[in-house]
Amino acid sequence: MFFEAESGQSLKVLAAIGAVTVTFQLLKLSWGVWCGFRSYVLSAYWKTDLKIYGQWAVVTGATSGIGKAYAIELARRGLDLVLISRSEKKLMAVAAHIEAQFGRQTRVIQADFTEGAPIYPGISEQLTGLEIGILVNNVGMNYAGMLVHFLDVPNPEQRISDVISCNILSVTQMTRIILPQMVERGRGLIINLSSEAASEPQPMLTLYSATKIFITYFSRGLNAEYRSRGITVQCVAPFMVSTNMTHNMPPSMLVKDAGDFAREALSTVGHSTFTSGCLSHALQHIALSIFFPGWYRLSSLCMRLTESYASSTRQSIEEMMVQAAKKEE
């Protein structure tokens, strides 16, 4: 009798623990679904007025791809733009388009972010006196144009410095320059572009993946530090967007057009401080996390498959280049 009572009591305890666990997981799932629905669906209709942060927005890497798309979308939403990039000619073209299309003021700053620390005093001086409400730290570069081993690019010594200066130093130094005036006014928005490649270590994208997880950690920590002072730091981690970095892959259900991505990502402001930017990329992130977990991506089997894919891709690109050269002849 005693053992039966004790056994029954144990079953009740286990059942209670199971019920609590299931309830917790259901609540967690429900909360996740609600946050996703709010960020990626309701945000299309329930948008934050970005002009509340200030008159000017600064965008780095603003002459192509996601940076250009962010600049155009910010102008569409009523902000004046400071465009920063390497090519003065391209900067002037984007500025002229924004002024003609949206009637917004623009300023351009020519700067090569691979040059490192010496460029920032000049940038800081040219930003003096502007009420900068939004900073988009978009500029970035990959280690190579395809999947490669760490040393398998020409001049790796220089390339390593270029990537770190462009992807990491730019984010921290631009934030250092602009954040103080945001704190003084008690409002501001900093958007840092990370990547899905930062979700797990990515062999054959090792350096790029590592620089992007720095941006993720830096953004999330900085948001915790300064949100009580009216500053929002949003980290955006997209998957594939049709840009020069992705060889301008045609947009599809999986690959976003840069303009569409920027519009959807900006709509998540006020709803999420860490986002994939759009529903398609959020769903892809969930699928990859389930079917390609971190341990698998680092496994010998996955490495062999990745190396094989990289080899076939490299061969295809070389064949395309040969065919293009023959057509030119």
Protein backbone atom coordinates (compact mmCIF):
# COMPACT_ATOMS: atom_id res chain seq x y z
CA MET A 1 0.00 0.00 0.00
CA PHE A 2 2.79 2.39 0.95
CA PHE A 3 4.72 1.75 -2.27
CA GLU A 4 1.58 2.10 -4.37
CA ALA A 5 0.82 5.46 -2.74
CA GLU A 6 4.40 6.62 -3.23
CA SER A 7 4.36 5.47 -6.87
CA GLY A 8 1.08 7.29 -7.46
CA GLN A 9 2.47 10.44 -5.88
CA SER A 10 5.58 10.26 -8.10
CA LEU A 11 3.42 9.90 -11.21
CA LYS A 12 1.43 12.96 -10.20
CA VAL A 13 4.65 14.96 -9.75
CA LEU A 14 5.95 13.83 -13.14
CA ALA A 15 2.61 14.64 -14.75
CA ALA A 16 2.67 18.11 -13.19
CA ILE A 17 6.24 18.70 -14.41
CA GLY A 18 5.23 17.52 -17.89
CA ALA A 19 2.19 19.79 -17.93
CA VAL A 20 4.27 22.79 -16.85
CA THR A 21 6.92 22.02 -19.49
CA VAL A 22 4.35 21.64 -22.28
CA THR A 23 2.57 24.82 -21.19
CA PHE A 24 5.86 26.73 -21.13
CA GLN A 25 6.82 25.50 -24.61
CA LEU A 26 3.38 26.37 -25.98
CA LEU A 27 3.57 29.85 -24.48
CA LYS A 28 7.09 30.28 -25.88
CA LEU A 29 5.91 29.14 -29.32
CA SER A 30 2.86 31.40 -29.17
CA TRP A 31 4.99 34.37 -28.17
CA GLY A 32 7.41 33.67 -31.01
CA VAL A 33 4.59 33.41 -33.54
CA TRP A 34 3.04 36.66 -32.27
CA CYS A 35 6.39 38.51 -32.43
CA GLY A 36 6.98 37.24 -35.94
CA PHE A 37 3.46 38.17 -37.04
CA ARG A 38 3.83 41.64 -35.56
CA SER A 39 7.32 42.19 -37.04
CA TYR A 40 6.74 40.86 -40.54
CA VAL A 41 2.99 41.17 -41.19
CA LEU A 42 1.45 43.90 -39.01
CA SER A 43 4.52 46.09 -39.53
CA ALA A 44 3.49 46.62 -43.16
CA TYR A 45 0.48 48.58 -41.86
CA TRP A 46 1.70 49.69 -38.42
CA LYS A 47 4.88 51.59 -39.28
CA THR A 48 7.06 53.74 -37.06
CA ASP A 49 7.36 57.34 -38.24
CA LEU A 50 11.11 57.48 -38.80
CA LYS A 51 11.16 61.28 -38.80
CA ILE A 52 10.74 61.23 -35.01
CA TYR A 53 14.42 60.32 -34.66
CA GLY A 54 15.77 63.41 -36.44
CA GLN A 55 16.08 65.18 -39.79
CA TRP A 56 19.09 63.39 -41.27
CA ALA A 57 19.97 59.76 -41.90
CA VAL A 58 23.52 58.57 -42.60
CA VAL A 59 24.01 55.47 -44.77
CA THR A 60 27.38 53.83 -45.37
CA GLY A 61 27.97 51.81 -48.53
CA ALA A 62 25.16 53.83 -50.10
CA THR A 63 25.91 53.51 -53.81
CA SER A 64 24.63 49.98 -54.50
CA GLY A 65 22.77 47.02 -53.11
CA ILE A 66 21.14 47.14 -49.69
CA GLY A 67 22.77 50.46 -48.74
CA LYS A 68 21.41 52.26 -51.79
CA ALA A 69 18.00 50.67 -51.22
CA TYR A 70 17.97 51.83 -47.57
CA ALA A 71 18.92 55.37 -48.64
CA ILE A 72 16.12 55.53 -51.20
CA GLU A 73 13.55 54.11 -48.78
CA LEU A 74 14.59 56.54 -46.04
CA ALA A 75 14.20 59.44 -48.49
CA ARG A 76 10.79 58.09 -49.46
CA ARG A 77 9.84 58.24 -45.77
CA GLY A 78 10.84 61.88 -45.46
CA LEU A 79 14.45 62.00 -44.27
CA ASP A 80 17.40 63.92 -45.66
CA LEU A 81 20.40 61.77 -46.50
CA VAL A 82 24.15 61.74 -45.96
CA LEU A 83 25.56 59.16 -48.36
CA ILE A 84 28.98 57.67 -47.67
CA SER A 85 30.83 55.38 -50.04
CA ARG A 86 34.05 54.92 -52.01
CA SER A 87 33.02 56.17 -55.47
CA GLU A 88 32.29 59.89 -55.68
CA LYS A 89 30.75 59.48 -59.13
CA LYS A 90 28.27 56.88 -57.90
CA LEU A 91 27.54 58.94 -54.79
CA MET A 92 26.60 61.92 -56.92
CA ALA A 93 24.33 59.77 -59.09
CA VAL A 94 22.43 58.37 -56.07
CA ALA A 95 22.18 61.85 -54.52
CA ALA A 96 20.81 63.31 -57.75
CA HIS A 97 18.22 60.52 -57.96
CA ILE A 98 17.06 61.09 -54.38
CA GLU A 99 16.80 64.86 -54.81
CA ALA A 100 14.89 64.54 -58.11
CA GLN A 101 12.60 61.72 -57.01
CA PHE A 102 11.83 62.70 -53.42
CA GLY A 103 12.91 66.34 -53.05
CA ARG A 104 15.10 65.58 -50.05
CA GLN A 105 18.41 67.24 -49.17
CA THR A 106 21.52 65.15 -49.67
CA ARG A 107 25.18 65.35 -48.77
CA VAL A 108 27.90 63.00 -49.97
CA ILE A 109 31.12 61.93 -48.27
CA GLN A 110 33.69 60.01 -50.29
CA ALA A 111 35.46 57.48 -48.06
CA ASP A 112 37.08 54.08 -48.53
CA PHE A 113 36.34 52.09 -45.38
CA THR A 114 39.14 49.60 -46.11
CA GLU A 115 41.64 52.37 -45.29
CA GLY A 116 40.92 52.05 -41.58
CA ALA A 117 41.29 54.61 -38.80
CA PRO A 118 42.64 57.62 -40.78
CA ILE A 119 39.33 58.27 -42.58
CA TYR A 120 37.17 58.91 -39.50
CA PRO A 121 38.29 62.41 -38.42
CA GLY A 122 37.35 63.67 -41.89
CA ILE A 123 33.95 61.95 -41.77
CA SER A 124 33.29 63.34 -38.30
CA GLU A 125 34.13 66.88 -39.43
CA GLN A 126 31.76 66.68 -42.41
CA LEU A 127 28.89 65.50 -40.18
CA THR A 128 29.27 68.38 -37.72
CA GLY A 129 26.12 70.46 -37.22
CA LEU A 130 23.66 67.91 -38.65
CA GLU A 131 20.78 66.53 -36.57
CA ILE A 132 21.41 62.87 -37.34
CA GLY A 133 18.51 60.73 -36.23
CA ILE A 134 19.35 57.49 -38.05
CA LEU A 135 22.63 55.73 -38.82
CA VAL A 136 22.63 52.73 -41.16
CA ASN A 137 25.92 50.84 -40.86
CA ASN A 138 25.59 48.90 -44.08
CA VAL A 139 29.03 48.95 -45.70
CA GLY A 140 30.64 45.52 -45.84
CA MET A 141 32.60 43.15 -48.02
CA ASN A 142 33.19 39.45 -48.37
CA TYR A 143 36.55 37.73 -48.15
CA ALA A 144 36.21 36.47 -51.74
CA GLY A 145 33.61 36.31 -54.47
CA MET A 146 32.85 32.66 -53.71
CA LEU A 147 33.26 29.95 -51.08
CA VAL A 148 36.99 29.53 -50.36
CA HIS A 149 39.40 28.34 -47.71
CA PHE A 150 40.88 31.04 -45.50
CA LEU A 151 44.14 31.42 -47.45
CA ASP A 152 42.86 30.74 -50.96
CA VAL A 153 42.60 34.32 -52.18
CA PRO A 154 45.26 36.53 -53.73
CA ASN A 155 47.14 38.68 -51.19
CA PRO A 156 45.41 37.34 -48.05
CA GLU A 157 47.44 39.63 -45.76
CA GLN A 158 45.90 42.76 -47.30
CA ARG A 159 42.48 41.20 -47.78
CA ILE A 160 42.17 40.27 -44.10
CA SER A 161 42.87 43.86 -43.06
CA ASP A 162 40.43 45.20 -45.65
CA VAL A 163 37.58 42.96 -44.50
CA ILE A 164 38.09 43.69 -40.80
CA SER A 165 38.39 47.43 -41.40
CA CYS A 166 35.31 47.51 -43.62
CA ASN A 167 33.05 45.13 -41.68
CA ILE A 168 34.02 45.77 -38.05
CA LEU A 169 35.91 49.04 -37.66
CA SER A 170 33.35 50.95 -39.74
CA VAL A 171 30.46 49.93 -37.48
CA THR A 172 32.21 50.80 -34.23
CA GLN A 173 33.78 54.07 -35.41
CA MET A 174 30.66 55.41 -37.14
CA THR A 175 28.68 54.58 -34.00
CA ARG A 176 31.27 56.37 -31.87
CA ILE A 177 30.98 59.47 -34.04
CA ILE A 178 27.18 59.72 -34.17
CA LEU A 179 25.91 58.15 -30.93
CA PRO A 180 26.86 61.06 -28.60
CA GLN A 181 24.49 63.55 -30.27
CA MET A 182 21.71 60.95 -30.18
CA VAL A 183 22.25 60.48 -26.45
CA GLU A 184 22.24 64.26 -25.96
CA ARG A 185 18.86 64.58 -27.73
CA GLY A 186 17.44 61.46 -26.08
CA ARG A 187 16.46 59.74 -29.32
CA GLY A 188 18.10 57.96 -32.22
CA LEU A 189 18.13 54.81 -34.33
CA ILE A 190 21.19 52.81 -35.35
CA ILE A 191 20.70 49.99 -37.85
CA ASN A 192 23.59 47.55 -38.22
CA LEU A 193 23.63 45.06 -41.09
CA SER A 194 24.76 41.63 -39.98
CA SER A 195 24.02 38.44 -41.95
CA GLU A 196 22.42 35.01 -41.79
CA ALA A 197 26.03 33.80 -42.15
CA ALA A 198 26.48 34.88 -38.52
CA SER A 199 23.81 32.52 -37.20
CA GLU A 200 26.38 29.70 -36.98
CA PRO A 201 30.09 29.39 -37.86
CA GLN A 202 30.30 29.08 -41.66
CA PRO A 203 33.32 27.18 -43.01
CA MET A 204 34.62 28.62 -46.30
CA LEU A 205 32.98 31.89 -45.30
CA THR A 206 34.93 31.92 -42.06
CA LEU A 207 36.21 35.49 -41.88
CA TYR A 208 33.00 37.02 -43.24
CA SER A 209 30.89 34.98 -40.80
CA ALA A 210 33.13 35.98 -37.88
CA THR A 211 32.92 39.69 -38.68
CA LYS A 212 29.15 39.51 -38.94
CA ILE A 213 28.69 37.81 -35.55
CA PHE A 214 30.73 40.68 -34.10
CA ILE A 215 28.12 43.07 -35.52
CA THR A 216 25.31 40.98 -34.01
CA TYR A 217 26.84 40.92 -30.53
CA PHE A 218 27.90 44.57 -30.68
CA SER A 219 24.40 45.65 -31.72
CA ARG A 220 22.51 43.65 -29.13
CA GLY A 221 24.82 44.68 -26.30
CA LEU A 222 24.72 48.34 -27.34
CA ASN A 223 20.93 48.27 -27.50
CA ALA A 224 20.78 47.02 -23.92
CA GLU A 225 23.19 49.78 -22.83
CA TYR A 226 21.41 52.72 -24.48
CA ARG A 227 17.71 51.87 -24.85
CA SER A 228 16.96 53.57 -21.51
CA ARG A 229 18.36 56.77 -23.06
CA GLY A 230 15.95 56.70 -26.00
CA ILE A 231 18.31 54.98 -28.47
CA THR A 232 17.28 51.95 -30.52
CA VAL A 233 20.02 49.75 -31.96
CA GLN A 234 18.58 47.29 -34.45
CA CYS A 235 20.54 44.37 -35.88
CA VAL A 236 19.38 43.14 -39.30
CA ALA A 237 20.60 39.70 -40.40
CA PRO A 238 19.38 39.02 -43.94
CA PHE A 239 19.76 35.90 -46.03
CA MET A 240 20.20 36.23 -49.82
CA VAL A 241 19.51 39.65 -51.34
CA SER A 242 20.11 40.39 -55.02
CA THR A 243 23.25 42.59 -54.88
CA ASN A 244 26.76 42.68 -56.31
CA MET A 245 27.93 40.54 -53.39
CA THR A 246 25.54 37.76 -54.45
CA HIS A 247 26.41 38.21 -58.15
CA ASN A 248 23.02 39.91 -58.66
CA MET A 249 21.10 36.66 -58.43
CA PRO A 250 17.58 37.12 -59.84
CA PRO A 251 14.96 37.78 -57.12
CA SER A 252 12.74 34.82 -56.21
CA MET A 253 10.80 33.44 -53.27
CA LEU A 254 14.13 32.91 -51.49
CA VAL A 255 16.23 35.79 -52.88
CA LYS A 256 14.91 39.28 -52.14
CA ASP A 257 15.14 42.32 -54.37
CA ALA A 258 17.20 44.96 -52.51
CA GLY A 259 14.46 47.58 -52.68
CA ASP A 260 11.79 45.21 -51.39
CA PHE A 261 14.09 44.05 -48.62
CA ALA A 262 14.91 47.58 -47.44
CA ARG A 263 11.22 48.53 -47.40
CA GLU A 264 10.24 45.48 -45.34
CA ALA A 265 13.26 45.72 -43.03
CA LEU A 266 12.63 49.38 -42.23
CA SER A 267 9.04 48.52 -41.39
CA THR A 268 10.29 46.24 -38.59
CA VAL A 269 11.76 49.26 -36.76
CA GLY A 270 9.83 49.67 -33.52
CA HIS A 271 8.73 46.04 -33.60
CA SER A 272 12.04 44.18 -33.33
CA THR A 273 15.65 45.00 -32.46
CA PHE A 274 17.01 41.76 -33.94
CA THR A 275 15.46 40.72 -37.22
CA SER A 276 15.98 38.82 -40.46
CA GLY A 277 14.45 41.84 -42.15
CA CYS A 278 11.61 40.08 -43.97
CA LEU A 279 9.28 37.09 -43.54
CA SER A 280 10.96 35.02 -46.26
CA HIS A 281 14.36 35.27 -44.60
CA ALA A 282 12.92 34.63 -41.13
CA LEU A 283 11.33 31.39 -42.35
CA GLN A 284 14.56 30.37 -44.07
CA HIS A 285 16.45 31.01 -40.83
CA ILE A 286 14.08 28.71 -38.93
CA ALA A 287 14.37 25.99 -41.59
CA LEU A 288 18.18 26.16 -41.65
CA SER A 289 18.35 26.04 -37.85
CA ILE A 290 16.28 22.85 -37.85
CA PHE A 291 17.74 20.99 -40.83
CA PHE A 292 21.32 22.33 -40.81
CA PRO A 293 22.30 22.81 -37.14
CA GLY A 294 25.70 24.15 -36.17
CA TRP A 295 27.25 20.76 -35.42
CA TYR A 296 26.40 19.56 -38.93
CA ARG A 297 27.82 22.66 -40.63
CA LEU A 298 31.14 21.99 -38.89
CA SER A 299 31.17 18.25 -39.64
CA SER A 300 33.58 16.56 -42.06
CA LEU A 301 30.68 15.46 -44.26
CA CYS A 302 29.37 19.01 -44.64
CA MET A 303 32.89 20.27 -45.33
CA ARG A 304 33.33 17.77 -48.17
CA LEU A 305 29.98 18.73 -49.66
CA THR A 306 30.78 22.43 -49.34
CA GLU A 307 34.18 21.98 -50.99
CA SER A 308 32.58 20.04 -53.83
CA TYR A 309 29.94 22.72 -54.32
CA ALA A 310 32.56 25.47 -54.23
CA SER A 311 34.63 23.65 -56.84
CA SER A 312 31.69 23.20 -59.20
CA THR A 313 30.63 26.84 -58.71
CA ARG A 314 34.15 28.06 -59.43
CA GLN A 315 34.25 25.96 -62.59
CA SER A 316 30.90 27.35 -63.75
CA ILE A 317 32.06 30.93 -63.18
CA GLU A 318 35.29 30.29 -65.08
CA GLU A 319 33.33 28.80 -68.00
CA MET A 320 31.01 31.82 -68.05
CA MET A 321 34.03 34.15 -68.12
CA VAL A 322 35.56 32.22 -71.04
CA GLN A 323 32.28 32.36 -72.97
CA ALA A 324 31.96 36.09 -72.29
CA ALA A 325 35.53 36.64 -73.53
CA LYS A 326 34.80 34.70 -76.73
CA LYS A 327 31.70 36.82 -77.40
CA GLU A 328 33.75 39.99 -77.02
CA GLU A 329 36.22 38.69 -79.62
